[in-house]
Amino acid sequence: MTEHAAQHSLHPLPSRPLRIAAAQAQAEAGDVEANVATVAAMVQDAARAGARLVVFPEKFLSGYEPDLVRADPLRCAVRPGDPRLEPIADACRGTGTVAVVGAAFHDQGELYVSALVIDANGELAARYDKQHLFKSEREIYRAGGAGCTLELEGWRLGLGICYDSGFPEHARAAALDGCHAYVVGALFSVGNGYHESRTWFPARALDNTCYAVLANHIGTTGGWNACGSSAVWGPDGRPLAEAAADRPELITADLDPRALRTVRDAEPMLSDLRDTATHTRTRRRLG
């Protein structure tokens, strides 16, 4: 078998730490205005805690409520230029904080499961649409066609939404785009969902020697009993911060370029990565 070196290089490390926050709260079913108010208040909390970016759970603005979204998308999904988002824009603008907010999004007749990026100027700077839809979502939503990398103070942050994180290739694509952290809003439920989150996120972090950040729902939403426990993992896969399972909470962690350098020196998987698409393979039939 012959091997060819991958045609990629690691993005330069940031020059200083970045404080990031993950927020969890009880979403009000189908009440976009109430959930916007919760997001705006927690953006203020994140700013007081010194965070430059705060991420919220999947579809937080409606709650994870597929039946409500399908029945009344104009009420439960947000759309381009939606005036209901203005309190979040005001909070981001007033504090200089970036918010990544989960929402059902209605665009040109299609529904998406989206992460809306509202920047420190209060502008909708980016929108990431979930690429890997869970089986119950496929009859309602359209899958996204591209990944999304944010750049903030020298940090490259790759976005994911819930089920995306179960696919190693998704976080790897972010890492190969130079991302230093993988940032995900999700709905993980008690029981198997908690097990999945505690398996997938440390693996995504260590596999790619990057930080991993999870913002999860609490309480009941869309018939699911969420397990909370929003968390941040270091680039070595070890947990740095974890929220409670059942109460509103905001956790923060400092993403540190020195930790990235130390882990990547000790675990050089990315720099040693080979481009499997160009591998020549041998095949032998046995027996």
C-alpha atoms as a PDB file:
ATOM      1  CA  MET A   1       0.000   0.000   0.000  1.00  0.00           C
ATOM      2  CA  THR A   2       1.285   3.462  -0.862  1.00  0.00           C
ATOM      3  CA  GLU A   3       0.323   6.602   1.038  1.00  0.00           C
ATOM      4  CA  HIS A   4       0.235  10.251   0.011  1.00  0.00           C
ATOM      5  CA  ALA A   5       0.476  13.140   2.465  1.00  0.00           C
ATOM      6  CA  ALA A   6      -2.764  15.057   2.930  1.00  0.00           C
ATOM      7  CA  GLN A   7      -2.921  18.456   1.282  1.00  0.00           C
ATOM      8  CA  HIS A   8      -3.884  20.467   4.355  1.00  0.00           C
ATOM      9  CA  SER A   9      -2.160  22.448   7.056  1.00  0.00           C
ATOM     10  CA  LEU A  10      -3.176  23.387  10.562  1.00  0.00           C
ATOM     11  CA  HIS A  11      -4.461  26.914  11.035  1.00  0.00           C
ATOM     12  CA  PRO A  12      -2.165  29.096  13.179  1.00  0.00           C
ATOM     13  CA  LEU A  13      -3.043  29.096  16.848  1.00  0.00           C
ATOM     14  CA  PRO A  14      -4.766  32.153  18.338  1.00  0.00           C
ATOM     15  CA  SER A  15      -2.623  34.586  20.267  1.00  0.00           C
ATOM     16  CA  ARG A  16      -4.782  34.780  23.407  1.00  0.00           C
ATOM     17  CA  PRO A  17      -7.503  32.857  25.258  1.00  0.00           C
ATOM     18  CA  LEU A  18     -11.200  33.153  24.421  1.00  0.00           C
ATOM     19  CA  ARG A  19     -13.909  32.726  27.034  1.00  0.00           C
ATOM     20  CA  ILE A  20     -16.935  30.870  25.688  1.00  0.00           C
ATOM     21  CA  ALA A  21     -20.263  30.080  27.373  1.00  0.00           C
ATOM     22  CA  ALA A  22     -22.893  27.371  26.980  1.00  0.00           C
ATOM     23  CA  ALA A  23     -26.428  28.202  28.132  1.00  0.00           C
ATOM     24  CA  GLN A  24     -29.262  25.891  29.104  1.00  0.00           C
ATOM     25  CA  ALA A  25     -32.813  26.829  30.103  1.00  0.00           C
ATOM     26  CA  GLN A  26     -36.376  25.576  29.811  1.00  0.00           C
ATOM     27  CA  ALA A  27     -37.798  26.506  26.404  1.00  0.00           C
ATOM     28  CA  GLU A  28     -41.455  27.564  26.194  1.00  0.00           C
ATOM     29  CA  ALA A  29     -43.226  25.447  23.576  1.00  0.00           C
ATOM     30  CA  GLY A  30     -43.886  27.474  20.437  1.00  0.00           C
ATOM     31  CA  ASP A  31     -43.402  30.826  22.188  1.00  0.00           C
ATOM     32  CA  VAL A  32     -40.659  32.523  20.199  1.00  0.00           C
ATOM     33  CA  GLU A  33     -41.024  35.858  21.988  1.00  0.00           C
ATOM     34  CA  ALA A  34     -40.646  34.304  25.454  1.00  0.00           C
ATOM     35  CA  ASN A  35     -37.630  32.257  24.388  1.00  0.00           C
ATOM     36  CA  VAL A  36     -36.039  35.291  22.723  1.00  0.00           C
ATOM     37  CA  ALA A  37     -36.368  37.113  26.051  1.00  0.00           C
ATOM     38  CA  THR A  38     -34.612  34.211  27.802  1.00  0.00           C
ATOM     39  CA  VAL A  39     -31.788  34.268  25.249  1.00  0.00           C
ATOM     40  CA  ALA A  40     -31.370  38.036  25.557  1.00  0.00           C
ATOM     41  CA  ALA A  41     -31.154  37.798  29.366  1.00  0.00           C
ATOM     42  CA  MET A  42     -28.602  34.972  29.189  1.00  0.00           C
ATOM     43  CA  VAL A  43     -26.503  36.912  26.675  1.00  0.00           C
ATOM     44  CA  GLN A  44     -26.317  39.623  29.338  1.00  0.00           C
ATOM     45  CA  ASP A  45     -25.324  36.998  31.924  1.00  0.00           C
ATOM     46  CA  ALA A  46     -22.643  35.627  29.613  1.00  0.00           C
ATOM     47  CA  ALA A  47     -21.219  39.100  29.081  1.00  0.00           C
ATOM     48  CA  ARG A  48     -21.062  39.692  32.834  1.00  0.00           C
ATOM     49  CA  ALA A  49     -19.155  36.412  33.108  1.00  0.00           C
ATOM     50  CA  GLY A  50     -16.634  37.688  30.570  1.00  0.00           C
ATOM     51  CA  ALA A  51     -17.689  35.430  27.676  1.00  0.00           C
ATOM     52  CA  ARG A  52     -17.255  36.657  24.126  1.00  0.00           C
ATOM     53  CA  LEU A  53     -19.528  33.987  22.640  1.00  0.00           C
ATOM     54  CA  VAL A  54     -22.487  32.069  24.055  1.00  0.00           C
ATOM     55  CA  VAL A  55     -24.186  29.076  22.440  1.00  0.00           C
ATOM     56  CA  PHE A  56     -27.779  27.943  23.027  1.00  0.00           C
ATOM     57  CA  PRO A  57     -29.557  24.582  22.509  1.00  0.00           C
ATOM     58  CA  GLU A  58     -30.972  23.258  19.256  1.00  0.00           C
ATOM     59  CA  LYS A  59     -34.229  24.938  18.159  1.00  0.00           C
ATOM     60  CA  PHE A  60     -34.369  26.806  21.460  1.00  0.00           C
ATOM     61  CA  LEU A  61     -36.469  29.654  20.042  1.00  0.00           C
ATOM     62  CA  SER A  62     -39.476  27.361  19.514  1.00  0.00           C
ATOM     63  CA  GLY A  63     -38.464  24.524  21.782  1.00  0.00           C
ATOM     64  CA  TYR A  64     -37.813  21.178  20.139  1.00  0.00           C
ATOM     65  CA  GLU A  65     -41.407  21.029  18.918  1.00  0.00           C
ATOM     66  CA  PRO A  66     -41.646  19.491  15.421  1.00  0.00           C
ATOM     67  CA  ASP A  67     -45.442  19.155  15.480  1.00  0.00           C
ATOM     68  CA  LEU A  68     -45.913  22.801  16.408  1.00  0.00           C
ATOM     69  CA  VAL A  69     -43.396  23.940  13.788  1.00  0.00           C
ATOM     70  CA  ARG A  70     -45.032  21.858  11.066  1.00  0.00           C
ATOM     71  CA  ALA A  71     -48.538  23.040  12.006  1.00  0.00           C
ATOM     72  CA  ASP A  72     -47.691  26.747  12.202  1.00  0.00           C
ATOM     73  CA  PRO A  73     -44.269  27.586  10.738  1.00  0.00           C
ATOM     74  CA  LEU A  74     -44.981  31.304  10.504  1.00  0.00           C
ATOM     75  CA  ARG A  75     -45.458  31.436  14.280  1.00  0.00           C
ATOM     76  CA  CYS A  76     -42.873  28.896  15.426  1.00  0.00           C
ATOM     77  CA  ALA A  77     -40.059  29.323  12.904  1.00  0.00           C
ATOM     78  CA  VAL A  78     -38.101  32.525  12.426  1.00  0.00           C
ATOM     79  CA  ARG A  79     -37.351  33.995   9.010  1.00  0.00           C
ATOM     80  CA  PRO A  80     -34.908  36.422   7.390  1.00  0.00           C
ATOM     81  CA  GLY A  81     -35.260  39.870   8.941  1.00  0.00           C
ATOM     82  CA  ASP A  82     -37.575  38.557  11.672  1.00  0.00           C
ATOM     83  CA  PRO A  83     -38.316  41.480  14.034  1.00  0.00           C
ATOM     84  CA  ARG A  84     -38.801  39.074  16.943  1.00  0.00           C
ATOM     85  CA  LEU A  85     -35.016  38.594  17.051  1.00  0.00           C
ATOM     86  CA  GLU A  86     -34.379  42.252  17.875  1.00  0.00           C
ATOM     87  CA  PRO A  87     -34.043  41.783  21.682  1.00  0.00           C
ATOM     88  CA  ILE A  88     -31.201  39.321  21.057  1.00  0.00           C
ATOM     89  CA  ALA A  89     -29.593  41.739  18.609  1.00  0.00           C
ATOM     90  CA  ASP A  90     -29.872  44.519  21.194  1.00  0.00           C
ATOM     91  CA  ALA A  91     -28.278  42.339  23.890  1.00  0.00           C
ATOM     92  CA  CYS A  92     -25.398  41.326  21.614  1.00  0.00           C
ATOM     93  CA  ARG A  93     -24.863  44.909  20.446  1.00  0.00           C
ATOM     94  CA  GLY A  94     -25.042  46.314  23.946  1.00  0.00           C
ATOM     95  CA  THR A  95     -22.558  43.844  25.411  1.00  0.00           C
ATOM     96  CA  GLY A  96     -20.277  43.111  22.455  1.00  0.00           C
ATOM     97  CA  THR A  97     -21.157  39.416  22.721  1.00  0.00           C
ATOM     98  CA  VAL A  98     -21.729  36.890  19.932  1.00  0.00           C
ATOM     99  CA  ALA A  99     -24.702  34.509  20.289  1.00  0.00           C
ATOM    100  CA  VAL A 100     -25.234  31.203  18.482  1.00  0.00           C
ATOM    101  CA  VAL A 101     -28.961  30.544  18.809  1.00  0.00           C
ATOM    102  CA  GLY A 102     -30.848  27.392  17.823  1.00  0.00           C
ATOM    103  CA  ALA A 103     -34.007  27.959  15.796  1.00  0.00           C
ATOM    104  CA  ALA A 104     -36.360  26.467  13.281  1.00  0.00           C
ATOM    105  CA  PHE A 105     -35.805  28.695  10.250  1.00  0.00           C
ATOM    106  CA  HIS A 106     -38.238  29.363   7.397  1.00  0.00           C
ATOM    107  CA  ASP A 107     -36.585  30.456   4.157  1.00  0.00           C
ATOM    108  CA  GLN A 108     -38.131  30.522   0.673  1.00  0.00           C
ATOM    109  CA  GLY A 109     -40.728  27.920   1.503  1.00  0.00           C
ATOM    110  CA  GLU A 110     -38.302  25.500   3.180  1.00  0.00           C
ATOM    111  CA  LEU A 111     -37.797  24.737   6.868  1.00  0.00           C
ATOM    112  CA  TYR A 112     -34.354  24.205   8.360  1.00  0.00           C
ATOM    113  CA  VAL A 113     -32.930  23.338  11.776  1.00  0.00           C
ATOM    114  CA  SER A 114     -30.522  26.231  12.109  1.00  0.00           C
ATOM    115  CA  ALA A 115     -27.922  27.890  14.295  1.00  0.00           C
ATOM    116  CA  LEU A 116     -28.222  31.660  13.932  1.00  0.00           C
ATOM    117  CA  VAL A 117     -25.034  33.611  14.577  1.00  0.00           C
ATOM    118  CA  ILE A 118     -25.781  37.113  15.867  1.00  0.00           C
ATOM    119  CA  ASP A 119     -22.581  39.094  16.067  1.00  0.00           C
ATOM    120  CA  ALA A 120     -21.389  41.808  18.440  1.00  0.00           C
ATOM    121  CA  ASN A 121     -22.969  44.454  16.183  1.00  0.00           C
ATOM    122  CA  GLY A 122     -26.365  42.796  16.500  1.00  0.00           C
ATOM    123  CA  GLU A 123     -26.294  41.541  12.902  1.00  0.00           C
ATOM    124  CA  LEU A 124     -27.224  38.077  11.667  1.00  0.00           C
ATOM    125  CA  ALA A 125     -23.699  37.292  10.542  1.00  0.00           C
ATOM    126  CA  ALA A 126     -24.134  33.627   9.579  1.00  0.00           C
ATOM    127  CA  ARG A 127     -26.604  30.782   9.545  1.00  0.00           C
ATOM    128  CA  TYR A 128     -25.667  27.135   9.778  1.00  0.00           C
ATOM    129  CA  ASP A 129     -28.291  24.565   8.758  1.00  0.00           C
ATOM    130  CA  LYS A 130     -28.095  21.090  10.317  1.00  0.00           C
ATOM    131  CA  GLN A 131     -26.572  18.671   7.838  1.00  0.00           C
ATOM    132  CA  HIS A 132     -27.464  15.365   9.515  1.00  0.00           C
ATOM    133  CA  LEU A 133     -31.180  15.288  10.236  1.00  0.00           C
ATOM    134  CA  PHE A 134     -32.525  12.824  12.778  1.00  0.00           C
ATOM    135  CA  LYS A 135     -35.038  10.381  11.276  1.00  0.00           C
ATOM    136  CA  SER A 136     -38.075  12.161  12.735  1.00  0.00           C
ATOM    137  CA  GLU A 137     -36.894  15.496  11.294  1.00  0.00           C
ATOM    138  CA  ARG A 138     -36.522  14.457   7.663  1.00  0.00           C
ATOM    139  CA  GLU A 139     -40.195  14.811   6.721  1.00  0.00           C
ATOM    140  CA  ILE A 140     -40.302  18.392   8.034  1.00  0.00           C
ATOM    141  CA  TYR A 141     -36.891  19.954   7.457  1.00  0.00           C
ATOM    142  CA  ARG A 142     -34.419  20.276   4.619  1.00  0.00           C
ATOM    143  CA  ALA A 143     -30.819  19.270   5.333  1.00  0.00           C
ATOM    144  CA  GLY A 144     -28.111  21.913   5.149  1.00  0.00           C
ATOM    145  CA  GLY A 145     -25.625  21.742   2.330  1.00  0.00           C
ATOM    146  CA  ALA A 146     -22.452  23.126   3.904  1.00  0.00           C
ATOM    147  CA  GLY A 147     -20.514  23.421   7.138  1.00  0.00           C
ATOM    148  CA  CYS A 148     -19.882  26.740   8.865  1.00  0.00           C
ATOM    149  CA  THR A 149     -16.692  28.109  10.432  1.00  0.00           C
ATOM    150  CA  LEU A 150     -16.741  31.267  12.549  1.00  0.00           C
ATOM    151  CA  GLU A 151     -13.687  33.425  13.152  1.00  0.00           C
ATOM    152  CA  LEU A 152     -13.491  35.348  16.414  1.00  0.00           C
ATOM    153  CA  GLU A 153     -10.352  36.925  17.861  1.00  0.00           C
ATOM    154  CA  GLY A 154      -8.118  34.519  15.974  1.00  0.00           C
ATOM    155  CA  TRP A 155     -10.172  31.460  16.971  1.00  0.00           C
ATOM    156  CA  ARG A 156     -11.835  29.322  14.337  1.00  0.00           C
ATOM    157  CA  LEU A 157     -15.047  27.726  15.615  1.00  0.00           C
ATOM    158  CA  GLY A 158     -16.860  24.988  13.701  1.00  0.00           C
ATOM    159  CA  LEU A 159     -20.618  24.791  14.207  1.00  0.00           C
ATOM    160  CA  GLY A 160     -22.689  21.632  14.589  1.00  0.00           C
ATOM    161  CA  ILE A 161     -26.234  20.810  15.670  1.00  0.00           C
ATOM    162  CA  CYS A 162     -27.039  17.737  17.788  1.00  0.00           C
ATOM    163  CA  TYR A 163     -27.021  14.654  15.499  1.00  0.00           C
ATOM    164  CA  ASP A 164     -24.172  16.180  13.455  1.00  0.00           C
ATOM    165  CA  SER A 165     -21.896  15.435  16.407  1.00  0.00           C
ATOM    166  CA  GLY A 166     -22.538  11.702  16.097  1.00  0.00           C
ATOM    167  CA  PHE A 167     -20.640  11.650  12.800  1.00  0.00           C
ATOM    168  CA  PRO A 168     -16.846  11.840  13.250  1.00  0.00           C
ATOM    169  CA  GLU A 169     -16.519  13.219   9.724  1.00  0.00           C
ATOM    170  CA  HIS A 170     -18.470  16.345  10.647  1.00  0.00           C
ATOM    171  CA  ALA A 171     -16.096  17.512  13.371  1.00  0.00           C
ATOM    172  CA  ARG A 172     -13.122  16.334  11.287  1.00  0.00           C
ATOM    173  CA  ALA A 173     -14.244  18.572   8.408  1.00  0.00           C
ATOM    174  CA  ALA A 174     -14.236  21.496  10.829  1.00  0.00           C
ATOM    175  CA  ALA A 175     -10.761  20.558  12.079  1.00  0.00           C
ATOM    176  CA  LEU A 176      -9.460  20.317   8.519  1.00  0.00           C
ATOM    177  CA  ASP A 177     -10.851  23.809   7.942  1.00  0.00           C
ATOM    178  CA  GLY A 178      -8.556  24.937  10.737  1.00  0.00           C
ATOM    179  CA  CYS A 179     -11.084  24.983  13.574  1.00  0.00           C
ATOM    180  CA  HIS A 180      -9.799  25.111  17.141  1.00  0.00           C
ATOM    181  CA  ALA A 181     -13.205  24.305  18.675  1.00  0.00           C
ATOM    182  CA  TYR A 182     -16.358  22.396  17.726  1.00  0.00           C
ATOM    183  CA  VAL A 183     -19.450  24.238  19.006  1.00  0.00           C
ATOM    184  CA  VAL A 184     -22.821  22.465  19.157  1.00  0.00           C
ATOM    185  CA  GLY A 185     -26.366  23.224  20.289  1.00  0.00           C
ATOM    186  CA  ALA A 186     -28.378  20.060  20.877  1.00  0.00           C
ATOM    187  CA  LEU A 187     -31.205  18.099  22.420  1.00  0.00           C
ATOM    188  CA  PHE A 188     -29.890  15.052  24.252  1.00  0.00           C
ATOM    189  CA  SER A 189     -32.373  13.186  26.407  1.00  0.00           C
ATOM    190  CA  VAL A 190     -31.957  11.322  29.680  1.00  0.00           C
ATOM    191  CA  GLY A 191     -30.662   7.780  29.396  1.00  0.00           C
ATOM    192  CA  ASN A 192     -29.175   6.939  26.022  1.00  0.00           C
ATOM    193  CA  GLY A 193     -28.914  10.589  24.963  1.00  0.00           C
ATOM    194  CA  TYR A 194     -26.714  11.376  27.939  1.00  0.00           C
ATOM    195  CA  HIS A 195     -24.579   8.333  27.148  1.00  0.00           C
ATOM    196  CA  GLU A 196     -24.227   9.459  23.525  1.00  0.00           C
ATOM    197  CA  SER A 197     -23.190  12.974  24.497  1.00  0.00           C
ATOM    198  CA  ARG A 198     -20.557  11.683  26.941  1.00  0.00           C
ATOM    199  CA  THR A 199     -19.190   9.369  24.265  1.00  0.00           C
ATOM    200  CA  TRP A 200     -19.331  11.574  21.174  1.00  0.00           C
ATOM    201  CA  PHE A 201     -18.018  14.884  22.514  1.00  0.00           C
ATOM    202  CA  PRO A 202     -14.843  13.665  24.224  1.00  0.00           C
ATOM    203  CA  ALA A 203     -14.148  11.623  21.092  1.00  0.00           C
ATOM    204  CA  ARG A 204     -14.706  14.581  18.751  1.00  0.00           C
ATOM    205  CA  ALA A 205     -12.378  16.659  20.944  1.00  0.00           C
ATOM    206  CA  LEU A 206      -9.538  14.133  21.196  1.00  0.00           C
ATOM    207  CA  ASP A 207      -9.823  12.887  17.599  1.00  0.00           C
ATOM    208  CA  ASN A 208      -9.297  16.425  16.363  1.00  0.00           C
ATOM    209  CA  THR A 209      -7.306  17.868  19.296  1.00  0.00           C
ATOM    210  CA  CYS A 210      -9.798  20.717  19.530  1.00  0.00           C
ATOM    211  CA  TYR A 211     -12.158  22.055  22.192  1.00  0.00           C
ATOM    212  CA  ALA A 212     -15.742  20.753  22.109  1.00  0.00           C
ATOM    213  CA  VAL A 213     -18.676  22.773  23.445  1.00  0.00           C
ATOM    214  CA  LEU A 214     -22.230  21.506  24.034  1.00  0.00           C
ATOM    215  CA  ALA A 215     -25.348  23.517  24.936  1.00  0.00           C
ATOM    216  CA  ASN A 216     -28.259  21.189  25.741  1.00  0.00           C
ATOM    217  CA  HIS A 217     -31.928  21.546  26.677  1.00  0.00           C
ATOM    218  CA  ILE A 218     -33.320  20.945  30.146  1.00  0.00           C
ATOM    219  CA  GLY A 219     -36.778  19.785  31.168  1.00  0.00           C
ATOM    220  CA  THR A 220     -39.346  18.492  28.683  1.00  0.00           C
ATOM    221  CA  THR A 221     -39.531  19.691  25.089  1.00  0.00           C
ATOM    222  CA  GLY A 222     -41.284  18.074  22.159  1.00  0.00           C
ATOM    223  CA  GLY A 223     -42.018  15.000  24.258  1.00  0.00           C
ATOM    224  CA  TRP A 224     -38.339  14.457  25.100  1.00  0.00           C
ATOM    225  CA  ASN A 225     -36.960  14.568  28.649  1.00  0.00           C
ATOM    226  CA  ALA A 226     -33.718  16.481  28.189  1.00  0.00           C
ATOM    227  CA  CYS A 227     -30.668  15.678  30.291  1.00  0.00           C
ATOM    228  CA  GLY A 228     -29.130  19.158  30.526  1.00  0.00           C
ATOM    229  CA  SER A 229     -25.473  18.776  31.517  1.00  0.00           C
ATOM    230  CA  SER A 230     -24.170  21.281  28.970  1.00  0.00           C
ATOM    231  CA  ALA A 231     -20.397  21.013  28.961  1.00  0.00           C
ATOM    232  CA  VAL A 232     -17.020  21.980  27.546  1.00  0.00           C
ATOM    233  CA  TRP A 233     -14.227  19.478  26.843  1.00  0.00           C
ATOM    234  CA  GLY A 234     -10.566  20.275  26.340  1.00  0.00           C
ATOM    235  CA  PRO A 235      -8.573  19.253  23.266  1.00  0.00           C
ATOM    236  CA  ASP A 236      -7.447  16.146  25.156  1.00  0.00           C
ATOM    237  CA  GLY A 237     -11.091  15.037  25.570  1.00  0.00           C
ATOM    238  CA  ARG A 238     -11.205  15.773  29.298  1.00  0.00           C
ATOM    239  CA  PRO A 239     -14.167  17.775  30.710  1.00  0.00           C
ATOM    240  CA  LEU A 240     -13.490  21.375  31.738  1.00  0.00           C
ATOM    241  CA  ALA A 241     -16.964  22.502  32.841  1.00  0.00           C
ATOM    242  CA  GLU A 242     -20.376  20.867  33.183  1.00  0.00           C
ATOM    243  CA  ALA A 243     -23.810  22.212  34.052  1.00  0.00           C
ATOM    244  CA  ALA A 244     -26.462  20.561  36.185  1.00  0.00           C
ATOM    245  CA  ALA A 245     -28.880  18.070  34.664  1.00  0.00           C
ATOM    246  CA  ASP A 246     -32.111  19.828  35.540  1.00  0.00           C
ATOM    247  CA  ARG A 247     -31.837  23.574  36.098  1.00  0.00           C
ATOM    248  CA  PRO A 248     -31.149  26.737  34.076  1.00  0.00           C
ATOM    249  CA  GLU A 249     -27.451  27.430  34.068  1.00  0.00           C
ATOM    250  CA  LEU A 250     -24.684  29.199  32.192  1.00  0.00           C
ATOM    251  CA  ILE A 251     -21.229  27.650  32.197  1.00  0.00           C
ATOM    252  CA  THR A 252     -18.025  29.201  30.901  1.00  0.00           C
ATOM    253  CA  ALA A 253     -14.594  27.958  29.968  1.00  0.00           C
ATOM    254  CA  ASP A 254     -11.459  29.622  28.657  1.00  0.00           C
ATOM    255  CA  LEU A 255     -10.198  28.249  25.369  1.00  0.00           C
ATOM    256  CA  ASP A 256      -6.424  28.512  25.733  1.00  0.00           C
ATOM    257  CA  PRO A 257      -3.972  28.404  22.823  1.00  0.00           C
ATOM    258  CA  ARG A 258      -1.250  27.089  25.139  1.00  0.00           C
ATOM    259  CA  ALA A 259      -3.383  24.043  25.943  1.00  0.00           C
ATOM    260  CA  LEU A 260      -4.020  23.506  22.249  1.00  0.00           C
ATOM    261  CA  ARG A 261      -0.308  23.624  21.519  1.00  0.00           C
ATOM    262  CA  THR A 262       0.537  21.245  24.354  1.00  0.00           C
ATOM    263  CA  VAL A 263      -2.064  18.680  23.322  1.00  0.00           C
ATOM    264  CA  ARG A 264      -1.268  18.914  19.625  1.00  0.00           C
ATOM    265  CA  ASP A 265       2.415  18.416  20.350  1.00  0.00           C
ATOM    266  CA  ALA A 266       1.612  15.315  22.413  1.00  0.00           C
ATOM    267  CA  GLU A 267      -1.152  13.996  20.122  1.00  0.00           C
ATOM    268  CA  PRO A 268      -0.165  14.934  16.546  1.00  0.00           C
ATOM    269  CA  MET A 269      -3.086  13.191  14.799  1.00  0.00           C
ATOM    270  CA  LEU A 270      -4.013  16.181  12.660  1.00  0.00           C
ATOM    271  CA  SER A 271      -0.498  16.946  11.493  1.00  0.00           C
ATOM    272  CA  ASP A 272       0.099  13.233  10.821  1.00  0.00           C
ATOM    273  CA  LEU A 273      -3.239  12.725   9.085  1.00  0.00           C
ATOM    274  CA  ARG A 274      -3.115  11.004   5.724  1.00  0.00           C
ATOM    275  CA  ASP A 275      -5.564  11.728   2.949  1.00  0.00           C
ATOM    276  CA  THR A 276      -7.555   8.505   2.819  1.00  0.00           C
ATOM    277  CA  ALA A 277      -9.213   9.608  -0.406  1.00  0.00           C
ATOM    278  CA  THR A 278      -5.882   9.154  -2.202  1.00  0.00           C
ATOM    279  CA  HIS A 279      -4.900   5.871  -0.585  1.00  0.00           C
ATOM    280  CA  THR A 280      -4.205   2.915  -2.812  1.00  0.00           C
ATOM    281  CA  ARG A 281      -5.768  -0.174  -1.254  1.00  0.00           C
ATOM    282  CA  THR A 282      -5.004  -3.833  -1.702  1.00  0.00           C
ATOM    283  CA  ARG A 283      -7.844  -6.353  -1.593  1.00  0.00           C
ATOM    284  CA  ARG A 284      -7.476 -10.084  -1.104  1.00  0.00           C
ATOM    285  CA  ARG A 285     -10.172 -12.724  -1.083  1.00  0.00           C
ATOM    286  CA  LEU A 286      -9.555 -15.277   1.656  1.00  0.00           C
ATOM    287  CA  GLY A 287     -10.824 -18.848   1.565  1.00  0.00           C
END
